[in-house]
Amino acid sequence: MKRLPVGRQNFEAIIKEDLLYVDKTRQMYELMLHGKLYFLSRPRRFGKSLLLSKFRYLFSGAKELFKGLYIHEQTDYDWQTYPILQFNFASFGYQVENLEAVLHRKILSYGIQFGVSLTKTTLSENFLSLVEGISQKNKPVVLLIDEYDKPLVDFLTDSKKVKKNQRVLKDFFSPLKDLDAQGHIHFLFITGVSKFSKVSLFSDLNNLTDLTIDRLSDDLLGITQQELLTYFSDHLKIATQHFQLSEKQLLQDIQFWYNGYAFNPSIKLYNPFSLLSFFNSRRFSNFWFATGTPTFLVNTIRTQAIQPAELERVTVPETFFDKYSLEKLDSIGLLFQTGYLTIKATETRKHRTKYILGYPNEEVRLSMIYNLTEAFTFKRSSIVGSALLLMEEGLEEGNVSVFIDQLEILLSDISYHLLPKKKRSKQT
């Protein structure tokens, strides 16, 4: 039985250590056949960094790593090597203070690595010179950019800093259109949680394909039910013994807890991190919530006074997925991008499609309950978690006094600031 790659993001290490790997190279090959400039938005812990690691080794010509996989055995892929530039914005650290300086250092280090002299003063000029120089000396460049929006997400509660980083990103991405037009880019793949406007990427590079709800990315990330049955068969057998359940019942429980993400309503997906964590620990738990919820999301929930019932069924037009404004954050947009809401169904009438959003599964629903409770009670997450747990146990055991005691803890100190001023004024 293969060991589980929980939290692993390096494709080479996963293959060489013979860890469990769900083959997604068919989807990767189809992407390369259909285009070369891509952006993909997916929630955290969905495998974006591992995907870029696979592209890195693919364009490095590391053919042996892909032995036995679809692209190696069933395609005519040529395994050429290309110069690769990779920028992982998540690796720059939490709330990086000087994004421009960090990017300058990264670009200069690539200049030294590829023997390209960089003498310009601006970020965009040096980035342009770097890619041009490498392409002219070698081949067109492969650009892999991971978590591009992290310098924005980290500062969403600080408008001054987020605008500064927004300008830096605009400067960094602005050369891409010219570089592509001149034939210097072989392949570009950018990942992030959010598709924010006004960072040049989505306005200037107008031939960039957004894969967020594109059919080419339906199951590019995430794990389908068939992949669960195919790749996790040994782990399913052990889990049935551990829980003393039939395989049918176990699968139903796993689906209830962890399945349901969809970017095409006909294809339901598991979050890889949650599924791997479940099999690794052999317990049903809220693994996704434990990885942390962005502070800005809790603040947005509070200031916009989101009601739980509103999130059970949300209807949006297709333009909803286009891009999101940093100046006016939309709570539903943030919830979709961060994975709290997903596409449950679509309805088409007279060539117009509307999308029905809702919670993907029980794990995410419980996460939202925690977030809403924390946001509206102004209590620490540890207090909220303990109180909700005791309240649930009190109801299960028929002990109403325990339930009421914990409810009073949550509701204590709540004043008139529960609703934003605008909403309070409408009620008075």
Protein backbone atom coordinates (compact mmCIF):
# COMPACT_ATOMS: atom_id res chain seq x y z
CA MET A 1 0.00 0.00 0.00
CA LYS A 2 1.42 3.37 -1.03
CA ARG A 3 1.99 6.01 1.61
CA LEU A 4 -0.02 9.22 1.45
CA PRO A 5 1.62 12.51 0.33
CA VAL A 6 -0.13 14.71 2.90
CA GLY A 7 1.06 18.29 2.43
CA ARG A 8 3.65 17.31 -0.21
CA GLN A 9 4.03 19.69 -3.14
CA ASN A 10 7.16 18.44 -4.93
CA PHE A 11 6.32 16.07 -7.78
CA GLU A 12 9.81 14.59 -8.01
CA ALA A 13 9.84 13.66 -4.33
CA ILE A 14 6.38 12.07 -4.54
CA ILE A 15 7.43 9.88 -7.48
CA LYS A 16 10.87 8.93 -6.16
CA GLU A 17 9.49 8.05 -2.73
CA ASP A 18 6.73 6.03 -4.44
CA LEU A 19 3.95 7.90 -2.67
CA LEU A 20 0.33 7.73 -3.81
CA TYR A 21 -0.17 9.94 -6.86
CA VAL A 22 -3.41 10.56 -8.76
CA ASP A 23 -2.45 10.85 -12.45
CA LYS A 24 -3.55 14.21 -13.89
CA THR A 25 -1.16 14.25 -16.86
CA ARG A 26 -3.97 13.64 -19.36
CA GLN A 27 -5.55 16.94 -18.34
CA MET A 28 -2.15 18.68 -18.44
CA TYR A 29 -1.49 17.35 -21.96
CA GLU A 30 -4.88 18.60 -23.16
CA LEU A 31 -4.09 22.06 -21.78
CA MET A 32 -0.87 22.20 -23.77
CA LEU A 33 -2.70 21.13 -26.92
CA HIS A 34 -5.33 23.85 -26.61
CA GLY A 35 -3.26 26.87 -25.59
CA LYS A 36 -0.26 28.24 -23.76
CA LEU A 37 -1.36 31.19 -21.58
CA TYR A 38 -3.45 30.19 -18.57
CA PHE A 39 -4.78 31.45 -15.26
CA LEU A 40 -6.38 29.10 -12.72
CA SER A 41 -8.23 30.11 -9.57
CA ARG A 42 -8.83 27.45 -6.93
CA PRO A 43 -9.34 27.47 -3.14
CA ARG A 44 -6.44 26.83 -0.78
CA ARG A 45 -5.21 23.28 -0.27
CA PHE A 46 -6.44 22.21 -3.70
CA GLY A 47 -3.10 21.20 -5.24
CA LYS A 48 -2.13 24.33 -7.19
CA SER A 49 1.53 24.24 -6.13
CA LEU A 50 1.86 20.54 -6.93
CA LEU A 51 0.43 21.21 -10.39
CA LEU A 52 3.11 23.83 -11.08
CA SER A 53 5.75 21.41 -9.80
CA LYS A 54 4.56 18.88 -12.38
CA PHE A 55 4.74 21.47 -15.15
CA ARG A 56 8.26 22.37 -14.03
CA TYR A 57 9.52 18.80 -14.35
CA LEU A 58 7.59 18.29 -17.57
CA PHE A 59 9.23 21.28 -19.26
CA SER A 60 12.59 20.26 -17.78
CA GLY A 61 12.39 17.11 -19.88
CA ALA A 62 12.37 14.81 -16.81
CA LYS A 63 10.81 11.97 -18.79
CA GLU A 64 11.68 9.23 -16.29
CA LEU A 65 9.58 10.87 -13.57
CA PHE A 66 6.47 10.43 -15.73
CA LYS A 67 7.05 6.78 -16.56
CA GLY A 68 3.78 4.83 -16.25
CA LEU A 69 1.67 7.99 -16.39
CA TYR A 70 -0.71 8.95 -19.19
CA ILE A 71 1.50 11.55 -20.86
CA HIS A 72 4.44 9.13 -21.01
CA GLU A 73 2.57 6.05 -22.15
CA GLN A 74 -0.28 7.33 -24.32
CA THR A 75 0.87 10.56 -26.02
CA ASP A 76 3.53 11.73 -28.45
CA TYR A 77 4.83 14.47 -26.15
CA ASP A 78 8.36 15.41 -27.34
CA TRP A 79 10.03 16.01 -23.92
CA GLN A 80 11.97 19.06 -25.03
CA THR A 81 13.64 21.16 -22.35
CA TYR A 82 12.87 24.85 -21.90
CA PRO A 83 14.28 27.59 -19.66
CA ILE A 84 11.94 27.93 -16.69
CA LEU A 85 11.25 30.94 -14.50
CA GLN A 86 9.15 30.20 -11.42
CA PHE A 87 7.81 32.79 -9.00
CA ASN A 88 6.09 31.45 -5.90
CA PHE A 89 4.58 34.45 -4.16
CA ALA A 90 3.65 32.31 -1.15
CA SER A 91 7.37 31.66 -0.54
CA PHE A 92 8.07 35.38 -0.09
CA GLY A 93 6.73 35.16 3.44
CA TYR A 94 3.60 36.31 5.24
CA GLN A 95 2.83 39.99 4.65
CA VAL A 96 6.07 40.73 2.81
CA GLU A 97 6.82 44.40 3.45
CA ASN A 98 8.74 45.27 0.28
CA LEU A 99 7.35 43.20 -2.57
CA GLU A 100 9.17 45.24 -5.23
CA ALA A 101 12.58 44.62 -3.65
CA VAL A 102 11.88 40.88 -3.30
CA LEU A 103 10.89 40.60 -6.97
CA HIS A 104 13.93 42.62 -8.04
CA ARG A 105 16.24 40.23 -6.16
CA LYS A 106 14.51 37.22 -7.70
CA ILE A 107 14.83 38.62 -11.22
CA LEU A 108 18.49 39.55 -10.71
CA SER A 109 19.26 36.04 -9.41
CA TYR A 110 17.68 34.54 -12.53
CA GLY A 111 19.81 36.94 -14.59
CA ILE A 112 22.95 35.54 -12.97
CA GLN A 113 21.72 31.95 -13.41
CA PHE A 114 21.04 32.37 -17.15
CA GLY A 115 23.88 34.76 -17.88
CA VAL A 116 21.70 37.75 -18.76
CA SER A 117 22.94 41.23 -17.83
CA LEU A 118 20.23 43.36 -16.25
CA THR A 119 20.98 47.09 -16.06
CA LYS A 120 17.52 48.69 -16.04
CA THR A 121 16.09 50.53 -13.06
CA THR A 122 12.42 49.51 -13.06
CA LEU A 123 10.91 46.16 -12.23
CA SER A 124 9.07 45.84 -15.54
CA GLU A 125 12.13 46.76 -17.62
CA ASN A 126 14.36 44.21 -15.91
CA PHE A 127 11.71 41.49 -16.15
CA LEU A 128 11.30 42.26 -19.85
CA SER A 129 15.07 42.18 -20.40
CA LEU A 130 15.40 38.93 -18.46
CA VAL A 131 12.83 37.00 -20.49
CA GLU A 132 14.03 38.48 -23.79
CA GLY A 133 17.64 37.67 -23.00
CA ILE A 134 16.95 34.09 -21.99
CA SER A 135 14.72 33.49 -25.02
CA GLN A 136 17.29 34.88 -27.45
CA LYS A 137 20.09 32.77 -25.96
CA ASN A 138 18.08 29.57 -25.54
CA LYS A 139 14.41 28.92 -26.31
CA PRO A 140 11.15 30.68 -25.44
CA VAL A 141 10.63 30.77 -21.69
CA VAL A 142 8.22 28.81 -19.49
CA LEU A 143 6.75 31.09 -16.80
CA LEU A 144 5.18 29.46 -13.72
CA ILE A 145 3.66 31.89 -11.22
CA ASP A 146 2.11 30.48 -8.06
CA GLU A 147 -0.27 32.28 -5.66
CA TYR A 148 0.14 35.60 -7.50
CA ASP A 149 -2.52 37.21 -5.29
CA LYS A 150 -0.97 36.45 -1.90
CA PRO A 151 0.60 39.94 -1.59
CA LEU A 152 -2.94 41.31 -1.99
CA VAL A 153 -4.80 38.82 0.19
CA ASP A 154 -2.35 39.31 3.08
CA PHE A 155 -3.19 43.03 3.22
CA LEU A 156 -6.89 43.17 2.39
CA THR A 157 -7.55 44.84 5.74
CA ASP A 158 -4.88 47.49 5.05
CA SER A 159 -5.91 49.55 2.01
CA LYS A 160 -2.64 51.50 1.83
CA LYS A 161 -0.45 48.42 1.63
CA VAL A 162 -2.76 46.51 -0.69
CA LYS A 163 -2.76 49.41 -3.17
CA LYS A 164 1.03 49.57 -3.02
CA ASN A 165 1.33 45.86 -3.79
CA GLN A 166 -1.32 46.21 -6.48
CA ARG A 167 0.90 48.75 -8.26
CA VAL A 168 3.94 46.48 -7.94
CA LEU A 169 2.06 43.53 -9.44
CA LYS A 170 0.82 45.71 -12.29
CA ASP A 171 4.41 46.71 -13.01
CA PHE A 172 5.59 43.09 -12.83
CA PHE A 173 2.92 41.66 -15.13
CA SER A 174 2.80 44.53 -17.65
CA PRO A 175 5.56 43.14 -19.97
CA LEU A 176 3.81 39.80 -20.52
CA LYS A 177 1.71 40.86 -23.49
CA ASP A 178 4.71 42.19 -25.43
CA LEU A 179 6.83 39.18 -24.50
CA ASP A 180 4.16 36.85 -25.83
CA ALA A 181 3.68 38.90 -29.01
CA GLN A 182 7.44 38.72 -29.67
CA GLY A 183 7.45 34.93 -29.25
CA HIS A 184 9.49 34.87 -26.04
CA ILE A 185 6.97 32.86 -23.99
CA HIS A 186 6.51 29.14 -24.65
CA PHE A 187 4.04 28.53 -21.82
CA LEU A 188 2.57 30.62 -19.00
CA PHE A 189 0.60 29.27 -16.07
CA ILE A 190 -0.55 31.47 -13.19
CA THR A 191 -2.42 30.32 -10.09
CA GLY A 192 -4.20 32.16 -7.32
CA VAL A 193 -7.24 32.11 -5.10
CA SER A 194 -8.74 35.30 -6.52
CA LYS A 195 -8.99 37.00 -9.90
CA PHE A 196 -8.50 40.59 -8.79
CA SER A 197 -8.91 43.42 -11.25
CA LYS A 198 -6.42 46.23 -11.88
CA VAL A 199 -3.21 44.21 -11.68
CA SER A 200 -2.54 44.42 -15.46
CA LEU A 201 -2.65 40.64 -15.76
CA PHE A 202 -6.32 40.39 -16.76
CA SER A 203 -6.66 43.71 -18.54
CA ASP A 204 -3.50 43.83 -20.67
CA LEU A 205 -2.95 40.14 -21.42
CA ASN A 206 -6.27 39.72 -23.23
CA ASN A 207 -5.40 36.29 -24.68
CA LEU A 208 -4.94 34.78 -21.22
CA THR A 209 -7.36 31.86 -20.78
CA ASP A 210 -9.15 31.86 -17.41
CA LEU A 211 -9.60 28.20 -16.47
CA THR A 212 -11.68 28.83 -13.34
CA ILE A 213 -14.91 27.43 -14.83
CA ASP A 214 -13.45 26.21 -18.14
CA ARG A 215 -14.09 22.60 -19.18
CA LEU A 216 -10.32 22.02 -19.53
CA SER A 217 -9.93 22.36 -15.78
CA ASP A 218 -13.05 20.51 -14.57
CA ASP A 219 -10.95 17.82 -12.88
CA LEU A 220 -7.44 19.20 -13.38
CA LEU A 221 -7.25 19.61 -9.60
CA GLY A 222 -9.24 17.83 -6.92
CA ILE A 223 -10.11 14.13 -6.76
CA THR A 224 -13.15 12.63 -8.47
CA GLN A 225 -15.23 9.74 -7.11
CA GLN A 226 -13.75 7.38 -9.70
CA GLU A 227 -10.22 8.44 -8.78
CA LEU A 228 -11.04 7.79 -5.14
CA LEU A 229 -12.15 4.24 -5.96
CA THR A 230 -9.19 3.60 -8.28
CA TYR A 231 -6.25 5.06 -6.37
CA PHE A 232 -7.39 4.71 -2.75
CA SER A 233 -8.71 1.13 -2.85
CA ASP A 234 -6.19 -0.17 -0.30
CA HIS A 235 -6.84 2.74 2.05
CA LEU A 236 -10.59 2.23 1.71
CA LYS A 237 -10.25 -1.41 2.79
CA ILE A 238 -8.30 -0.44 5.90
CA ALA A 239 -10.77 2.34 6.72
CA THR A 240 -13.75 -0.02 6.48
CA GLN A 241 -12.07 -2.27 9.03
CA HIS A 242 -11.13 0.64 11.27
CA PHE A 243 -14.65 2.12 11.34
CA GLN A 244 -16.34 -1.30 11.18
CA LEU A 245 -18.51 -0.11 8.29
CA SER A 246 -19.41 -1.57 4.94
CA GLU A 247 -17.58 0.02 2.02
CA LYS A 248 -20.90 1.42 0.76
CA GLN A 249 -21.61 3.16 4.07
CA LEU A 250 -18.05 4.42 4.40
CA LEU A 251 -18.15 5.93 0.91
CA GLN A 252 -21.43 7.66 1.71
CA ASP A 253 -19.92 9.14 4.87
CA ILE A 254 -16.79 10.30 3.04
CA GLN A 255 -18.93 11.92 0.35
CA PHE A 256 -21.08 13.68 2.94
CA TRP A 257 -18.05 15.12 4.69
CA TYR A 258 -15.57 15.88 1.92
CA ASN A 259 -17.08 15.66 -1.59
CA GLY A 260 -19.03 18.34 -3.46
CA TYR A 261 -16.62 20.94 -4.83
CA ALA A 262 -17.59 21.69 -8.42
CA PHE A 263 -16.50 24.10 -11.13
CA ASN A 264 -18.72 22.20 -13.52
CA PRO A 265 -21.83 20.97 -11.67
CA SER A 266 -21.65 17.55 -13.35
CA ILE A 267 -18.21 16.79 -11.84
CA LYS A 268 -17.98 16.65 -8.06
CA LEU A 269 -14.56 16.82 -6.43
CA TYR A 270 -12.87 16.12 -3.13
CA ASN A 271 -10.40 18.61 -1.70
CA PRO A 272 -7.14 16.57 -1.88
CA PHE A 273 -5.84 17.81 1.47
CA SER A 274 -9.00 16.84 3.36
CA LEU A 275 -9.26 13.42 1.71
CA LEU A 276 -5.58 12.59 2.31
CA SER A 277 -5.83 13.81 5.91
CA PHE A 278 -8.90 11.64 6.50
CA PHE A 279 -7.19 8.46 5.33
CA ASN A 280 -3.99 9.38 7.14
CA SER A 281 -5.65 9.99 10.51
CA ARG A 282 -8.60 7.60 10.03
CA ARG A 283 -11.08 9.96 11.61
CA PHE A 284 -13.81 12.25 10.36
CA SER A 285 -12.73 15.76 11.22
CA ASN A 286 -12.64 19.31 9.91
CA PHE A 287 -9.13 19.26 8.42
CA TRP A 288 -9.73 22.13 6.02
CA PHE A 289 -10.78 24.59 8.72
CA ALA A 290 -7.75 23.64 10.80
CA THR A 291 -5.44 25.01 8.07
CA GLY A 292 -6.61 28.51 8.90
CA THR A 293 -9.20 31.00 7.70
CA PRO A 294 -8.04 34.35 6.28
CA THR A 295 -8.60 37.24 8.68
CA PHE A 296 -10.04 39.40 5.91
CA LEU A 297 -12.80 36.84 5.34
CA VAL A 298 -13.95 36.96 8.96
CA ASN A 299 -13.85 40.77 8.85
CA THR A 300 -15.89 40.86 5.63
CA ILE A 301 -18.45 38.46 7.06
CA ARG A 302 -18.82 40.74 10.07
CA THR A 303 -19.00 44.08 8.28
CA GLN A 304 -21.43 42.86 5.61
CA ALA A 305 -23.61 41.04 8.17
CA ILE A 306 -23.88 37.77 6.24
CA GLN A 307 -26.78 35.59 7.35
CA PRO A 308 -26.28 31.78 7.32
CA ALA A 309 -29.57 31.12 5.51
CA GLU A 310 -28.44 33.34 2.63
CA LEU A 311 -25.57 30.96 1.83
CA GLU A 312 -27.61 27.79 1.38
CA ARG A 313 -28.59 28.88 -2.14
CA VAL A 314 -27.01 31.83 -3.93
CA THR A 315 -27.81 32.63 -7.56
CA VAL A 316 -25.25 34.51 -9.67
CA PRO A 317 -24.76 35.30 -13.40
CA GLU A 318 -21.77 34.06 -15.40
CA THR A 319 -20.16 37.50 -15.17
CA PHE A 320 -19.80 36.86 -11.44
CA PHE A 321 -16.70 34.73 -12.15
CA ASP A 322 -14.95 37.35 -14.27
CA LYS A 323 -12.95 39.35 -11.75
CA TYR A 324 -13.23 40.97 -8.34
CA SER A 325 -12.53 44.47 -7.17
CA LEU A 326 -10.09 45.16 -4.36
CA GLU A 327 -11.75 48.49 -3.71
CA LYS A 328 -15.15 46.94 -2.98
CA LEU A 329 -14.86 43.39 -1.73
CA ASP A 330 -17.88 41.22 -2.44
CA SER A 331 -18.63 38.71 0.29
CA ILE A 332 -20.15 36.09 -2.04
CA GLY A 333 -17.21 36.40 -4.42
CA LEU A 334 -14.75 35.92 -1.57
CA LEU A 335 -16.66 32.91 -0.26
CA PHE A 336 -16.63 31.27 -3.68
CA GLN A 337 -12.95 31.90 -4.26
CA THR A 338 -11.91 30.69 -0.83
CA GLY A 339 -13.95 27.49 -1.22
CA TYR A 340 -16.82 28.11 1.20
CA LEU A 341 -19.24 28.18 -1.72
CA THR A 342 -19.15 26.10 -4.89
CA ILE A 343 -21.27 25.56 -7.98
CA LYS A 344 -24.19 23.30 -7.12
CA ALA A 345 -26.18 23.61 -10.35
CA THR A 346 -26.72 25.73 -13.46
CA GLU A 347 -29.89 26.93 -15.13
CA THR A 348 -29.91 28.05 -18.78
CA ARG A 349 -32.69 30.06 -20.36
CA LYS A 350 -32.53 31.87 -23.72
CA HIS A 351 -28.76 31.37 -23.95
CA ARG A 352 -28.23 32.89 -20.52
CA THR A 353 -26.78 30.73 -17.78
CA LYS A 354 -27.14 31.37 -14.09
CA TYR A 355 -25.18 29.52 -11.44
CA ILE A 356 -26.51 28.21 -8.13
CA LEU A 357 -23.93 28.33 -5.36
CA GLY A 358 -23.96 26.56 -2.00
CA TYR A 359 -21.80 24.78 0.58
CA PRO A 360 -19.75 21.93 -0.97
CA ASN A 361 -20.03 19.55 1.99
CA GLU A 362 -20.36 19.10 5.75
CA GLU A 363 -16.73 20.00 6.44
CA VAL A 364 -17.15 23.40 4.80
CA ARG A 365 -20.61 23.99 6.31
CA LEU A 366 -19.20 23.47 9.80
CA SER A 367 -16.27 25.75 8.96
CA MET A 368 -18.71 28.50 8.03
CA ILE A 369 -20.65 28.03 11.28
CA TYR A 370 -17.40 28.56 13.19
CA ASN A 371 -16.54 31.62 11.12
CA LEU A 372 -19.97 33.20 11.46
CA THR A 373 -20.03 32.58 15.20
CA GLU A 374 -16.56 34.03 15.62
CA ALA A 375 -17.40 37.05 13.47
CA PHE A 376 -20.64 37.99 15.19
CA THR A 377 -19.74 37.16 18.80
CA PHE A 378 -16.29 38.82 18.60
CA LYS A 379 -14.90 35.83 20.51
CA ARG A 380 -11.58 34.06 19.93
CA SER A 381 -11.69 30.91 17.80
CA SER A 382 -10.67 28.73 20.78
CA ILE A 383 -13.69 29.97 22.80
CA VAL A 384 -16.03 29.53 19.84
CA GLY A 385 -14.78 26.02 19.11
CA SER A 386 -15.10 24.86 22.71
CA ALA A 387 -18.55 26.39 23.17
CA LEU A 388 -20.00 24.92 19.96
CA LEU A 389 -18.62 21.49 20.81
CA LEU A 390 -20.14 21.54 24.30
CA MET A 391 -23.46 22.85 22.92
CA GLU A 392 -23.62 19.96 20.45
CA GLU A 393 -22.80 17.41 23.16
CA GLY A 394 -25.40 18.98 25.45
CA LEU A 395 -28.12 18.59 22.82
CA GLU A 396 -27.08 15.01 22.04
CA GLU A 397 -27.22 14.09 25.73
CA GLY A 398 -30.42 16.01 26.42
CA ASN A 399 -28.63 18.35 28.83
CA VAL A 400 -30.30 21.69 28.05
CA SER A 401 -28.53 23.54 30.86
CA VAL A 402 -25.10 22.87 29.29
CA PHE A 403 -26.40 24.16 25.96
CA ILE A 404 -27.76 27.35 27.55
CA ASP A 405 -24.59 27.95 29.58
CA GLN A 406 -22.41 27.80 26.49
CA LEU A 407 -24.84 29.94 24.50
CA GLU A 408 -24.61 32.61 27.19
CA ILE A 409 -20.81 32.51 26.92
CA LEU A 410 -21.00 33.14 23.20
CA LEU A 411 -23.58 35.91 23.49
CA SER A 412 -22.03 37.70 26.45
CA ASP A 413 -20.64 41.17 25.81
CA ILE A 414 -22.43 41.48 22.46
CA SER A 415 -23.55 45.07 22.11
CA TYR A 416 -25.23 47.19 19.50
CA HIS A 417 -22.13 46.91 17.27
CA LEU A 418 -23.35 43.52 16.01
CA LEU A 419 -24.60 45.10 12.76
CA PRO A 420 -22.75 47.64 10.62
CA LYS A 421 -23.92 51.24 10.96
CA LYS A 422 -25.65 51.28 7.58
CA LYS A 423 -27.73 48.24 8.41
CA ARG A 424 -28.50 49.53 11.91
CA SER A 425 -29.79 52.82 10.52
CA LYS A 426 -32.24 51.00 8.26
CA GLN A 427 -33.71 49.19 11.24
CA THR A 428 -34.18 52.28 13.41
